[in-house]
mmCIF file of all heavy atoms, coordinates in Angstrom:
data_MODEL
# 
_entry.id   MODEL 
# 
loop_
_atom_site.group_PDB 
_atom_site.id 
_atom_site.type_symbol 
_atom_site.label_atom_id 
_atom_site.label_alt_id 
_atom_site.label_comp_id 
_atom_site.label_asym_id 
_atom_site.label_entity_id 
_atom_site.label_seq_id 
_atom_site.pdbx_PDB_ins_code 
_atom_site.Cartn_x 
_atom_site.Cartn_y 
_atom_site.Cartn_z 
_atom_site.occupancy 
_atom_site.B_iso_or_equiv 
_atom_site.pdbx_formal_charge 
_atom_site.auth_seq_id 
_atom_site.auth_comp_id 
_atom_site.auth_asym_id 
_atom_site.auth_atom_id 
_atom_site.pdbx_PDB_model_num 
ATOM 1   N N   . GLY A 1 1  ? 26.410 -56.021 3.244   1.00 0.00 ? 1  GLY A N   1 
ATOM 2   C CA  . GLY A 1 1  ? 26.312 -55.542 1.874   1.00 0.00 ? 1  GLY A CA  1 
ATOM 3   C C   . GLY A 1 1  ? 27.206 -56.236 0.865   1.00 0.00 ? 1  GLY A C   1 
ATOM 4   O O   . GLY A 1 1  ? 27.258 -55.820 -0.301  1.00 0.00 ? 1  GLY A O   1 
ATOM 5   N N   . ARG A 1 2  ? 27.896 -57.281 1.295   1.00 0.00 ? 2  ARG A N   1 
ATOM 6   C CA  . ARG A 1 2  ? 28.730 -58.012 0.342   1.00 0.00 ? 2  ARG A CA  1 
ATOM 7   C C   . ARG A 1 2  ? 27.824 -58.841 -0.557  1.00 0.00 ? 2  ARG A C   1 
ATOM 8   O O   . ARG A 1 2  ? 26.907 -59.509 -0.090  1.00 0.00 ? 2  ARG A O   1 
ATOM 9   C CB  . ARG A 1 2  ? 29.710 -58.907 1.071   1.00 0.00 ? 2  ARG A CB  1 
ATOM 10  C CG  . ARG A 1 2  ? 30.686 -59.647 0.169   1.00 0.00 ? 2  ARG A CG  1 
ATOM 11  C CD  . ARG A 1 2  ? 31.732 -60.367 0.989   1.00 0.00 ? 2  ARG A CD  1 
ATOM 12  N NE  . ARG A 1 2  ? 32.543 -59.413 1.771   1.00 0.00 ? 2  ARG A NE  1 
ATOM 13  C CZ  . ARG A 1 2  ? 33.492 -59.786 2.610   1.00 0.00 ? 2  ARG A CZ  1 
ATOM 14  N NH1 . ARG A 1 2  ? 33.745 -61.063 2.802   1.00 0.00 ? 2  ARG A NH1 1 
ATOM 15  N NH2 . ARG A 1 2  ? 34.185 -58.893 3.272   1.00 0.00 ? 2  ARG A NH2 1 
ATOM 16  N N   . THR A 1 3  ? 28.129 -58.833 -1.847  1.00 0.00 ? 3  THR A N   1 
ATOM 17  C CA  . THR A 1 3  ? 27.258 -59.511 -2.823  1.00 0.00 ? 3  THR A CA  1 
ATOM 18  C C   . THR A 1 3  ? 27.998 -60.611 -3.574  1.00 0.00 ? 3  THR A C   1 
ATOM 19  O O   . THR A 1 3  ? 29.215 -60.555 -3.754  1.00 0.00 ? 3  THR A O   1 
ATOM 20  C CB  . THR A 1 3  ? 26.700 -58.507 -3.835  1.00 0.00 ? 3  THR A CB  1 
ATOM 21  O OG1 . THR A 1 3  ? 27.785 -57.868 -4.520  1.00 0.00 ? 3  THR A OG1 1 
ATOM 22  C CG2 . THR A 1 3  ? 25.857 -57.440 -3.151  1.00 0.00 ? 3  THR A CG2 1 
ATOM 23  N N   . THR A 1 4  ? 27.239 -61.601 -4.004  1.00 0.00 ? 4  THR A N   1 
ATOM 24  C CA  . THR A 1 4  ? 27.761 -62.662 -4.858  1.00 0.00 ? 4  THR A CA  1 
ATOM 25  C C   . THR A 1 4  ? 26.754 -62.930 -5.966  1.00 0.00 ? 4  THR A C   1 
ATOM 26  O O   . THR A 1 4  ? 25.547 -62.688 -5.787  1.00 0.00 ? 4  THR A O   1 
ATOM 27  C CB  . THR A 1 4  ? 28.009 -63.964 -4.082  1.00 0.00 ? 4  THR A CB  1 
ATOM 28  O OG1 . THR A 1 4  ? 26.760 -64.436 -3.560  1.00 0.00 ? 4  THR A OG1 1 
ATOM 29  C CG2 . THR A 1 4  ? 28.982 -63.758 -2.936  1.00 0.00 ? 4  THR A CG2 1 
ATOM 30  N N   . TYR A 1 5  ? 27.242 -63.432 -7.100  1.00 0.00 ? 5  TYR A N   1 
ATOM 31  C CA  . TYR A 1 5  ? 26.385 -63.718 -8.249  1.00 0.00 ? 5  TYR A CA  1 
ATOM 32  C C   . TYR A 1 5  ? 26.826 -65.013 -8.914  1.00 0.00 ? 5  TYR A C   1 
ATOM 33  O O   . TYR A 1 5  ? 28.024 -65.329 -8.963  1.00 0.00 ? 5  TYR A O   1 
ATOM 34  C CB  . TYR A 1 5  ? 26.471 -62.594 -9.283  1.00 0.00 ? 5  TYR A CB  1 
ATOM 35  C CG  . TYR A 1 5  ? 26.065 -61.236 -8.759  1.00 0.00 ? 5  TYR A CG  1 
ATOM 36  C CD1 . TYR A 1 5  ? 27.006 -60.368 -8.214  1.00 0.00 ? 5  TYR A CD1 1 
ATOM 37  C CD2 . TYR A 1 5  ? 24.735 -60.817 -8.802  1.00 0.00 ? 5  TYR A CD2 1 
ATOM 38  C CE1 . TYR A 1 5  ? 26.642 -59.125 -7.720  1.00 0.00 ? 5  TYR A CE1 1 
ATOM 39  C CE2 . TYR A 1 5  ? 24.359 -59.577 -8.313  1.00 0.00 ? 5  TYR A CE2 1 
ATOM 40  C CZ  . TYR A 1 5  ? 25.323 -58.745 -7.765  1.00 0.00 ? 5  TYR A CZ  1 
ATOM 41  O OH  . TYR A 1 5  ? 24.949 -57.515 -7.275  1.00 0.00 ? 5  TYR A OH  1 
ATOM 42  N N   . VAL A 1 6  ? 25.867 -65.722 -9.471  1.00 0.00 ? 6  VAL A N   1 
ATOM 43  C CA  . VAL A 1 6  ? 26.211 -66.863 -10.310 1.00 0.00 ? 6  VAL A CA  1 
ATOM 44  C C   . VAL A 1 6  ? 26.790 -66.312 -11.610 1.00 0.00 ? 6  VAL A C   1 
ATOM 45  O O   . VAL A 1 6  ? 26.436 -65.205 -12.051 1.00 0.00 ? 6  VAL A O   1 
ATOM 46  C CB  . VAL A 1 6  ? 24.951 -67.735 -10.568 1.00 0.00 ? 6  VAL A CB  1 
ATOM 47  C CG1 . VAL A 1 6  ? 23.932 -66.993 -11.416 1.00 0.00 ? 6  VAL A CG1 1 
ATOM 48  C CG2 . VAL A 1 6  ? 25.322 -69.065 -11.166 1.00 0.00 ? 6  VAL A CG2 1 
ATOM 49  N N   . ASP A 1 7  ? 27.693 -67.042 -12.214 1.00 0.00 ? 7  ASP A N   1 
ATOM 50  C CA  . ASP A 1 7  ? 28.416 -66.537 -13.381 1.00 0.00 ? 7  ASP A CA  1 
ATOM 51  C C   . ASP A 1 7  ? 27.483 -66.090 -14.509 1.00 0.00 ? 7  ASP A C   1 
ATOM 52  O O   . ASP A 1 7  ? 27.757 -65.110 -15.202 1.00 0.00 ? 7  ASP A O   1 
ATOM 53  C CB  . ASP A 1 7  ? 29.368 -67.612 -13.902 1.00 0.00 ? 7  ASP A CB  1 
ATOM 54  C CG  . ASP A 1 7  ? 30.606 -67.770 -13.024 1.00 0.00 ? 7  ASP A CG  1 
ATOM 55  O OD1 . ASP A 1 7  ? 30.850 -66.892 -12.175 1.00 0.00 ? 7  ASP A OD1 1 
ATOM 56  O OD2 . ASP A 1 7  ? 31.326 -68.772 -13.203 1.00 0.00 ? 7  ASP A OD2 1 
ATOM 57  N N   . SER A 1 8  ? 26.382 -66.783 -14.694 1.00 0.00 ? 8  SER A N   1 
ATOM 58  C CA  . SER A 1 8  ? 25.507 -66.506 -15.824 1.00 0.00 ? 8  SER A CA  1 
ATOM 59  C C   . SER A 1 8  ? 24.805 -65.147 -15.744 1.00 0.00 ? 8  SER A C   1 
ATOM 60  O O   . SER A 1 8  ? 24.264 -64.676 -16.747 1.00 0.00 ? 8  SER A O   1 
ATOM 61  C CB  . SER A 1 8  ? 24.456 -67.612 -15.961 1.00 0.00 ? 8  SER A CB  1 
ATOM 62  O OG  . SER A 1 8  ? 23.663 -67.689 -14.785 1.00 0.00 ? 8  SER A OG  1 
ATOM 63  N N   . VAL A 1 9  ? 24.800 -64.512 -14.576 1.00 0.00 ? 9  VAL A N   1 
ATOM 64  C CA  . VAL A 1 9  ? 24.125 -63.222 -14.445 1.00 0.00 ? 9  VAL A CA  1 
ATOM 65  C C   . VAL A 1 9  ? 25.082 -62.082 -14.125 1.00 0.00 ? 9  VAL A C   1 
ATOM 66  O O   . VAL A 1 9  ? 24.657 -60.919 -14.038 1.00 0.00 ? 9  VAL A O   1 
ATOM 67  C CB  . VAL A 1 9  ? 23.008 -63.271 -13.381 1.00 0.00 ? 9  VAL A CB  1 
ATOM 68  C CG1 . VAL A 1 9  ? 22.052 -64.425 -13.651 1.00 0.00 ? 9  VAL A CG1 1 
ATOM 69  C CG2 . VAL A 1 9  ? 23.581 -63.356 -11.973 1.00 0.00 ? 9  VAL A CG2 1 
ATOM 70  N N   . LYS A 1 10 ? 26.344 -62.385 -13.950 1.00 0.00 ? 10 LYS A N   1 
ATOM 71  C CA  . LYS A 1 10 ? 27.312 -61.339 -13.607 1.00 0.00 ? 10 LYS A CA  1 
ATOM 72  C C   . LYS A 1 10 ? 27.342 -60.270 -14.695 1.00 0.00 ? 10 LYS A C   1 
ATOM 73  O O   . LYS A 1 10 ? 27.376 -60.575 -15.890 1.00 0.00 ? 10 LYS A O   1 
ATOM 74  C CB  . LYS A 1 10 ? 28.705 -61.947 -13.431 1.00 0.00 ? 10 LYS A CB  1 
ATOM 75  C CG  . LYS A 1 10 ? 28.880 -62.690 -12.123 1.00 0.00 ? 10 LYS A CG  1 
ATOM 76  C CD  . LYS A 1 10 ? 30.292 -63.252 -11.977 1.00 0.00 ? 10 LYS A CD  1 
ATOM 77  C CE  . LYS A 1 10 ? 30.457 -63.972 -10.653 1.00 0.00 ? 10 LYS A CE  1 
ATOM 78  N NZ  . LYS A 1 10 ? 31.801 -64.580 -10.517 1.00 0.00 ? 10 LYS A NZ  1 
ATOM 79  N N   . GLY A 1 11 ? 27.317 -59.017 -14.258 1.00 0.00 ? 11 GLY A N   1 
ATOM 80  C CA  . GLY A 1 11 ? 27.316 -57.911 -15.199 1.00 0.00 ? 11 GLY A CA  1 
ATOM 81  C C   . GLY A 1 11 ? 25.935 -57.530 -15.687 1.00 0.00 ? 11 GLY A C   1 
ATOM 82  O O   . GLY A 1 11 ? 25.770 -56.485 -16.325 1.00 0.00 ? 11 GLY A O   1 
ATOM 83  N N   . ARG A 1 12 ? 24.934 -58.350 -15.405 1.00 0.00 ? 12 ARG A N   1 
ATOM 84  C CA  . ARG A 1 12 ? 23.562 -58.060 -15.845 1.00 0.00 ? 12 ARG A CA  1 
ATOM 85  C C   . ARG A 1 12 ? 22.613 -57.854 -14.669 1.00 0.00 ? 12 ARG A C   1 
ATOM 86  O O   . ARG A 1 12 ? 21.686 -57.065 -14.754 1.00 0.00 ? 12 ARG A O   1 
ATOM 87  C CB  . ARG A 1 12 ? 23.028 -59.200 -16.703 1.00 0.00 ? 12 ARG A CB  1 
ATOM 88  C CG  . ARG A 1 12 ? 23.847 -59.469 -17.954 1.00 0.00 ? 12 ARG A CG  1 
ATOM 89  C CD  . ARG A 1 12 ? 23.160 -60.479 -18.884 1.00 0.00 ? 12 ARG A CD  1 
ATOM 90  N NE  . ARG A 1 12 ? 22.984 -61.778 -18.266 1.00 0.00 ? 12 ARG A NE  1 
ATOM 91  C CZ  . ARG A 1 12 ? 21.796 -62.359 -18.073 1.00 0.00 ? 12 ARG A CZ  1 
ATOM 92  N NH1 . ARG A 1 12 ? 20.682 -61.752 -18.447 1.00 0.00 ? 12 ARG A NH1 1 
ATOM 93  N NH2 . ARG A 1 12 ? 21.725 -63.565 -17.511 1.00 0.00 ? 12 ARG A NH2 1 
ATOM 94  N N   . PHE A 1 13 ? 22.824 -58.576 -13.582 1.00 0.00 ? 13 PHE A N   1 
ATOM 95  C CA  . PHE A 1 13 ? 21.963 -58.483 -12.405 1.00 0.00 ? 13 PHE A CA  1 
ATOM 96  C C   . PHE A 1 13 ? 22.700 -57.768 -11.276 1.00 0.00 ? 13 PHE A C   1 
ATOM 97  O O   . PHE A 1 13 ? 23.929 -57.869 -11.150 1.00 0.00 ? 13 PHE A O   1 
ATOM 98  C CB  . PHE A 1 13 ? 21.565 -59.875 -11.911 1.00 0.00 ? 13 PHE A CB  1 
ATOM 99  C CG  . PHE A 1 13 ? 20.613 -60.627 -12.797 1.00 0.00 ? 13 PHE A CG  1 
ATOM 100 C CD1 . PHE A 1 13 ? 20.326 -60.227 -14.084 1.00 0.00 ? 13 PHE A CD1 1 
ATOM 101 C CD2 . PHE A 1 13 ? 19.997 -61.779 -12.322 1.00 0.00 ? 13 PHE A CD2 1 
ATOM 102 C CE1 . PHE A 1 13 ? 19.452 -60.926 -14.897 1.00 0.00 ? 13 PHE A CE1 1 
ATOM 103 C CE2 . PHE A 1 13 ? 19.115 -62.510 -13.111 1.00 0.00 ? 13 PHE A CE2 1 
ATOM 104 C CZ  . PHE A 1 13 ? 18.853 -62.073 -14.397 1.00 0.00 ? 13 PHE A CZ  1 
ATOM 105 N N   . SER A 1 14 ? 21.924 -57.093 -10.446 1.00 0.00 ? 14 SER A N   1 
ATOM 106 C CA  . SER A 1 14 ? 22.491 -56.397 -9.296  1.00 0.00 ? 14 SER A CA  1 
ATOM 107 C C   . SER A 1 14 ? 21.562 -56.566 -8.095  1.00 0.00 ? 14 SER A C   1 
ATOM 108 O O   . SER A 1 14 ? 20.364 -56.296 -8.198  1.00 0.00 ? 14 SER A O   1 
ATOM 109 C CB  . SER A 1 14 ? 22.682 -54.916 -9.617  1.00 0.00 ? 14 SER A CB  1 
ATOM 110 O OG  . SER A 1 14 ? 23.178 -54.214 -8.482  1.00 0.00 ? 14 SER A OG  1 
ATOM 111 N N   . ILE A 1 15 ? 22.103 -57.005 -6.987  1.00 0.00 ? 15 ILE A N   1 
ATOM 112 C CA  . ILE A 1 15 ? 21.323 -57.174 -5.759  1.00 0.00 ? 15 ILE A CA  1 
ATOM 113 C C   . ILE A 1 15 ? 21.699 -56.063 -4.788  1.00 0.00 ? 15 ILE A C   1 
ATOM 114 O O   . ILE A 1 15 ? 22.873 -55.724 -4.623  1.00 0.00 ? 15 ILE A O   1 
ATOM 115 C CB  . ILE A 1 15 ? 21.562 -58.572 -5.133  1.00 0.00 ? 15 ILE A CB  1 
ATOM 116 C CG1 . ILE A 1 15 ? 20.647 -58.793 -3.929  1.00 0.00 ? 15 ILE A CG1 1 
ATOM 117 C CG2 . ILE A 1 15 ? 23.016 -58.774 -4.751  1.00 0.00 ? 15 ILE A CG2 1 
ATOM 118 C CD1 . ILE A 1 15 ? 20.687 -60.228 -3.390  1.00 0.00 ? 15 ILE A CD1 1 
ATOM 119 N N   . PHE A 1 16 ? 20.684 -55.454 -4.186  1.00 0.00 ? 16 PHE A N   1 
ATOM 120 C CA  . PHE A 1 16 ? 20.951 -54.400 -3.222  1.00 0.00 ? 16 PHE A CA  1 
ATOM 121 C C   . PHE A 1 16 ? 19.810 -54.329 -2.204  1.00 0.00 ? 16 PHE A C   1 
ATOM 122 O O   . PHE A 1 16 ? 18.733 -54.863 -2.442  1.00 0.00 ? 16 PHE A O   1 
ATOM 123 C CB  . PHE A 1 16 ? 21.171 -53.050 -3.912  1.00 0.00 ? 16 PHE A CB  1 
ATOM 124 C CG  . PHE A 1 16 ? 20.015 -52.566 -4.741  1.00 0.00 ? 16 PHE A CG  1 
ATOM 125 C CD1 . PHE A 1 16 ? 19.084 -51.677 -4.236  1.00 0.00 ? 16 PHE A CD1 1 
ATOM 126 C CD2 . PHE A 1 16 ? 19.853 -52.996 -6.053  1.00 0.00 ? 16 PHE A CD2 1 
ATOM 127 C CE1 . PHE A 1 16 ? 18.018 -51.218 -4.998  1.00 0.00 ? 16 PHE A CE1 1 
ATOM 128 C CE2 . PHE A 1 16 ? 18.788 -52.547 -6.837  1.00 0.00 ? 16 PHE A CE2 1 
ATOM 129 C CZ  . PHE A 1 16 ? 17.871 -51.661 -6.304  1.00 0.00 ? 16 PHE A CZ  1 
ATOM 130 N N   . ARG A 1 17 ? 20.079 -53.654 -1.105  1.00 0.00 ? 17 ARG A N   1 
ATOM 131 C CA  . ARG A 1 17 ? 19.116 -53.592 0.006   1.00 0.00 ? 17 ARG A CA  1 
ATOM 132 C C   . ARG A 1 17 ? 18.772 -52.146 0.315   1.00 0.00 ? 17 ARG A C   1 
ATOM 133 O O   . ARG A 1 17 ? 19.647 -51.288 0.353   1.00 0.00 ? 17 ARG A O   1 
ATOM 134 C CB  . ARG A 1 17 ? 19.728 -54.253 1.252   1.00 0.00 ? 17 ARG A CB  1 
ATOM 135 C CG  . ARG A 1 17 ? 18.756 -54.442 2.400   1.00 0.00 ? 17 ARG A CG  1 
ATOM 136 C CD  . ARG A 1 17 ? 19.512 -54.781 3.691   1.00 0.00 ? 17 ARG A CD  1 
ATOM 137 N NE  . ARG A 1 17 ? 20.452 -55.875 3.553   1.00 0.00 ? 17 ARG A NE  1 
ATOM 138 C CZ  . ARG A 1 17 ? 20.177 -57.146 3.811   1.00 0.00 ? 17 ARG A CZ  1 
ATOM 139 N NH1 . ARG A 1 17 ? 18.953 -57.464 4.205   1.00 0.00 ? 17 ARG A NH1 1 
ATOM 140 N NH2 . ARG A 1 17 ? 21.093 -58.075 3.685   1.00 0.00 ? 17 ARG A NH2 1 
ATOM 141 N N   . ASP A 1 18 ? 17.496 -51.898 0.558   1.00 0.00 ? 18 ASP A N   1 
ATOM 142 C CA  . ASP A 1 18 ? 17.042 -50.599 1.055   1.00 0.00 ? 18 ASP A CA  1 
ATOM 143 C C   . ASP A 1 18 ? 17.110 -50.657 2.580   1.00 0.00 ? 18 ASP A C   1 
ATOM 144 O O   . ASP A 1 18 ? 16.376 -51.411 3.210   1.00 0.00 ? 18 ASP A O   1 
ATOM 145 C CB  . ASP A 1 18 ? 15.612 -50.328 0.596   1.00 0.00 ? 18 ASP A CB  1 
ATOM 146 C CG  . ASP A 1 18 ? 15.089 -48.975 1.046   1.00 0.00 ? 18 ASP A CG  1 
ATOM 147 O OD1 . ASP A 1 18 ? 15.285 -48.603 2.230   1.00 0.00 ? 18 ASP A OD1 1 
ATOM 148 O OD2 . ASP A 1 18 ? 14.480 -48.287 0.235   1.00 0.00 ? 18 ASP A OD2 1 
ATOM 149 N N   . ALA A 1 19 ? 17.998 -49.864 3.167   1.00 0.00 ? 19 ALA A N   1 
ATOM 150 C CA  . ALA A 1 19 ? 18.227 -49.932 4.605   1.00 0.00 ? 19 ALA A CA  1 
ATOM 151 C C   . ALA A 1 19 ? 17.000 -49.492 5.410   1.00 0.00 ? 19 ALA A C   1 
ATOM 152 O O   . ALA A 1 19 ? 16.791 -49.943 6.539   1.00 0.00 ? 19 ALA A O   1 
ATOM 153 C CB  . ALA A 1 19 ? 19.431 -49.088 4.980   1.00 0.00 ? 19 ALA A CB  1 
ATOM 154 N N   . ASP A 1 20 ? 16.188 -48.608 4.849   1.00 0.00 ? 20 ASP A N   1 
ATOM 155 C CA  . ASP A 1 20 ? 15.041 -48.105 5.599   1.00 0.00 ? 20 ASP A CA  1 
ATOM 156 C C   . ASP A 1 20 ? 13.937 -49.145 5.744   1.00 0.00 ? 20 ASP A C   1 
ATOM 157 O O   . ASP A 1 20 ? 13.274 -49.237 6.777   1.00 0.00 ? 20 ASP A O   1 
ATOM 158 C CB  . ASP A 1 20 ? 14.474 -46.857 4.922   1.00 0.00 ? 20 ASP A CB  1 
ATOM 159 C CG  . ASP A 1 20 ? 15.426 -45.676 5.025   1.00 0.00 ? 20 ASP A CG  1 
ATOM 160 O OD1 . ASP A 1 20 ? 16.206 -45.631 5.997   1.00 0.00 ? 20 ASP A OD1 1 
ATOM 161 O OD2 . ASP A 1 20 ? 15.406 -44.811 4.128   1.00 0.00 ? 20 ASP A OD2 1 
ATOM 162 N N   . THR A 1 21 ? 13.723 -49.910 4.686   1.00 0.00 ? 21 THR A N   1 
ATOM 163 C CA  . THR A 1 21 ? 12.622 -50.881 4.690   1.00 0.00 ? 21 THR A CA  1 
ATOM 164 C C   . THR A 1 21 ? 13.103 -52.322 4.799   1.00 0.00 ? 21 THR A C   1 
ATOM 165 O O   . THR A 1 21 ? 12.289 -53.234 4.953   1.00 0.00 ? 21 THR A O   1 
ATOM 166 C CB  . THR A 1 21 ? 11.783 -50.748 3.417   1.00 0.00 ? 21 THR A CB  1 
ATOM 167 O OG1 . THR A 1 21 ? 12.620 -51.065 2.286   1.00 0.00 ? 21 THR A OG1 1 
ATOM 168 C CG2 . THR A 1 21 ? 11.249 -49.327 3.259   1.00 0.00 ? 21 THR A CG2 1 
ATOM 169 N N   . ASN A 1 22 ? 14.411 -52.512 4.711   1.00 0.00 ? 22 ASN A N   1 
ATOM 170 C CA  . ASN A 1 22 ? 14.995 -53.866 4.720   1.00 0.00 ? 22 ASN A CA  1 
ATOM 171 C C   . ASN A 1 22 ? 14.488 -54.705 3.555   1.00 0.00 ? 22 ASN A C   1 
ATOM 172 O O   . ASN A 1 22 ? 14.466 -55.937 3.634   1.00 0.00 ? 22 ASN A O   1 
ATOM 173 C CB  . ASN A 1 22 ? 14.712 -54.567 6.050   1.00 0.00 ? 22 ASN A CB  1 
ATOM 174 C CG  . ASN A 1 22 ? 15.678 -55.694 6.323   1.00 0.00 ? 22 ASN A CG  1 
ATOM 175 O OD1 . ASN A 1 22 ? 16.729 -55.781 5.701   1.00 0.00 ? 22 ASN A OD1 1 
ATOM 176 N ND2 . ASN A 1 22 ? 15.300 -56.583 7.228   1.00 0.00 ? 22 ASN A ND2 1 
ATOM 177 N N   . THR A 1 23 ? 14.106 -54.046 2.502   1.00 0.00 ? 23 THR A N   1 
ATOM 178 C CA  . THR A 1 23 ? 13.695 -54.746 1.282   1.00 0.00 ? 23 THR A CA  1 
ATOM 179 C C   . THR A 1 23 ? 14.927 -54.991 0.419   1.00 0.00 ? 23 THR A C   1 
ATOM 180 O O   . THR A 1 23 ? 15.768 -54.106 0.259   1.00 0.00 ? 23 THR A O   1 
ATOM 181 C CB  . THR A 1 23 ? 12.674 -53.911 0.499   1.00 0.00 ? 23 THR A CB  1 
ATOM 182 O OG1 . THR A 1 23 ? 11.497 -53.738 1.288   1.00 0.00 ? 23 THR A OG1 1 
ATOM 183 C CG2 . THR A 1 23 ? 12.305 -54.589 -0.813  1.00 0.00 ? 23 THR A CG2 1 
ATOM 184 N N   . VAL A 1 24 ? 15.035 -56.180 -0.099  1.00 0.00 ? 24 VAL A N   1 
ATOM 185 C CA  . VAL A 1 24 ? 16.155 -56.542 -0.969  1.00 0.00 ? 24 VAL A CA  1 
ATOM 186 C C   . VAL A 1 24 ? 15.652 -56.603 -2.407  1.00 0.00 ? 24 VAL A C   1 
ATOM 187 O O   . VAL A 1 24 ? 14.641 -57.243 -2.687  1.00 0.00 ? 24 VAL A O   1 
ATOM 188 C CB  . VAL A 1 24 ? 16.763 -57.889 -0.556  1.00 0.00 ? 24 VAL A CB  1 
ATOM 189 C CG1 . VAL A 1 24 ? 17.848 -58.316 -1.540  1.00 0.00 ? 24 VAL A CG1 1 
ATOM 190 C CG2 . VAL A 1 24 ? 17.350 -57.790 0.863   1.00 0.00 ? 24 VAL A CG2 1 
ATOM 191 N N   . TYR A 1 25 ? 16.359 -55.947 -3.287  1.00 0.00 ? 25 TYR A N   1 
ATOM 192 C CA  . TYR A 1 25 ? 15.962 -55.872 -4.686  1.00 0.00 ? 25 TYR A CA  1 
ATOM 193 C C   . TYR A 1 25 ? 16.922 -56.666 -5.567  1.00 0.00 ? 25 TYR A C   1 
ATOM 194 O O   . TYR A 1 25 ? 18.112 -56.817 -5.245  1.00 0.00 ? 25 TYR A O   1 
ATOM 195 C CB  . TYR A 1 25 ? 15.947 -54.415 -5.158  1.00 0.00 ? 25 TYR A CB  1 
ATOM 196 C CG  . TYR A 1 25 ? 14.936 -53.554 -4.452  1.00 0.00 ? 25 TYR A CG  1 
ATOM 197 C CD1 . TYR A 1 25 ? 15.291 -52.820 -3.320  1.00 0.00 ? 25 TYR A CD1 1 
ATOM 198 C CD2 . TYR A 1 25 ? 13.627 -53.476 -4.903  1.00 0.00 ? 25 TYR A CD2 1 
ATOM 199 C CE1 . TYR A 1 25 ? 14.365 -52.029 -2.661  1.00 0.00 ? 25 TYR A CE1 1 
ATOM 200 C CE2 . TYR A 1 25 ? 12.697 -52.681 -4.254  1.00 0.00 ? 25 TYR A CE2 1 
ATOM 201 C CZ  . TYR A 1 25 ? 13.073 -51.965 -3.132  1.00 0.00 ? 25 TYR A CZ  1 
ATOM 202 O OH  . TYR A 1 25 ? 12.146 -51.183 -2.480  1.00 0.00 ? 25 TYR A OH  1 
ATOM 203 N N   . LEU A 1 26 ? 16.399 -57.137 -6.679  1.00 0.00 ? 26 LEU A N   1 
ATOM 204 C CA  . LEU A 1 26 ? 17.228 -57.750 -7.710  1.00 0.00 ? 26 LEU A CA  1 
ATOM 205 C C   . LEU A 1 26 ? 16.942 -57.006 -9.014  1.00 0.00 ? 26 LEU A C   1 
ATOM 206 O O   . LEU A 1 26 ? 15.881 -57.184 -9.609  1.00 0.00 ? 26 LEU A O   1 
ATOM 207 C CB  . LEU A 1 26 ? 16.931 -59.239 -7.868  1.00 0.00 ? 26 LEU A CB  1 
ATOM 208 C CG  . LEU A 1 26 ? 17.849 -59.983 -8.836  1.00 0.00 ? 26 LEU A CG  1 
ATOM 209 C CD1 . LEU A 1 26 ? 19.279 -60.032 -8.285  1.00 0.00 ? 26 LEU A CD1 1 
ATOM 210 C CD2 . LEU A 1 26 ? 17.344 -61.397 -9.107  1.00 0.00 ? 26 LEU A CD2 1 
ATOM 211 N N   . GLN A 1 27 ? 17.880 -56.157 -9.407  1.00 0.00 ? 27 GLN A N   1 
ATOM 212 C CA  . GLN A 1 27 ? 17.764 -55.432 -10.671 1.00 0.00 ? 27 GLN A CA  1 
ATOM 213 C C   . GLN A 1 27 ? 18.308 -56.328 -11.772 1.00 0.00 ? 27 GLN A C   1 
ATOM 214 O O   . GLN A 1 27 ? 19.473 -56.747 -11.717 1.00 0.00 ? 27 GLN A O   1 
ATOM 215 C CB  . GLN A 1 27 ? 18.550 -54.119 -10.605 1.00 0.00 ? 27 GLN A CB  1 
ATOM 216 C CG  . GLN A 1 27 ? 18.558 -53.341 -11.904 1.00 0.00 ? 27 GLN A CG  1 
ATOM 217 C CD  . GLN A 1 27 ? 17.193 -52.804 -12.277 1.00 0.00 ? 27 GLN A CD  1 
ATOM 218 O OE1 . GLN A 1 27 ? 16.447 -52.348 -11.415 1.00 0.00 ? 27 GLN A OE1 1 
ATOM 219 N NE2 . GLN A 1 27 ? 16.866 -52.858 -13.560 1.00 0.00 ? 27 GLN A NE2 1 
# 
């Protein structure tokens, strides 16, 4: 669950994973 972001999207984009489906989202 550790996340990293390119500087240009920090504070605007969020990456997370649904543990049940193993789907990864980019908000």
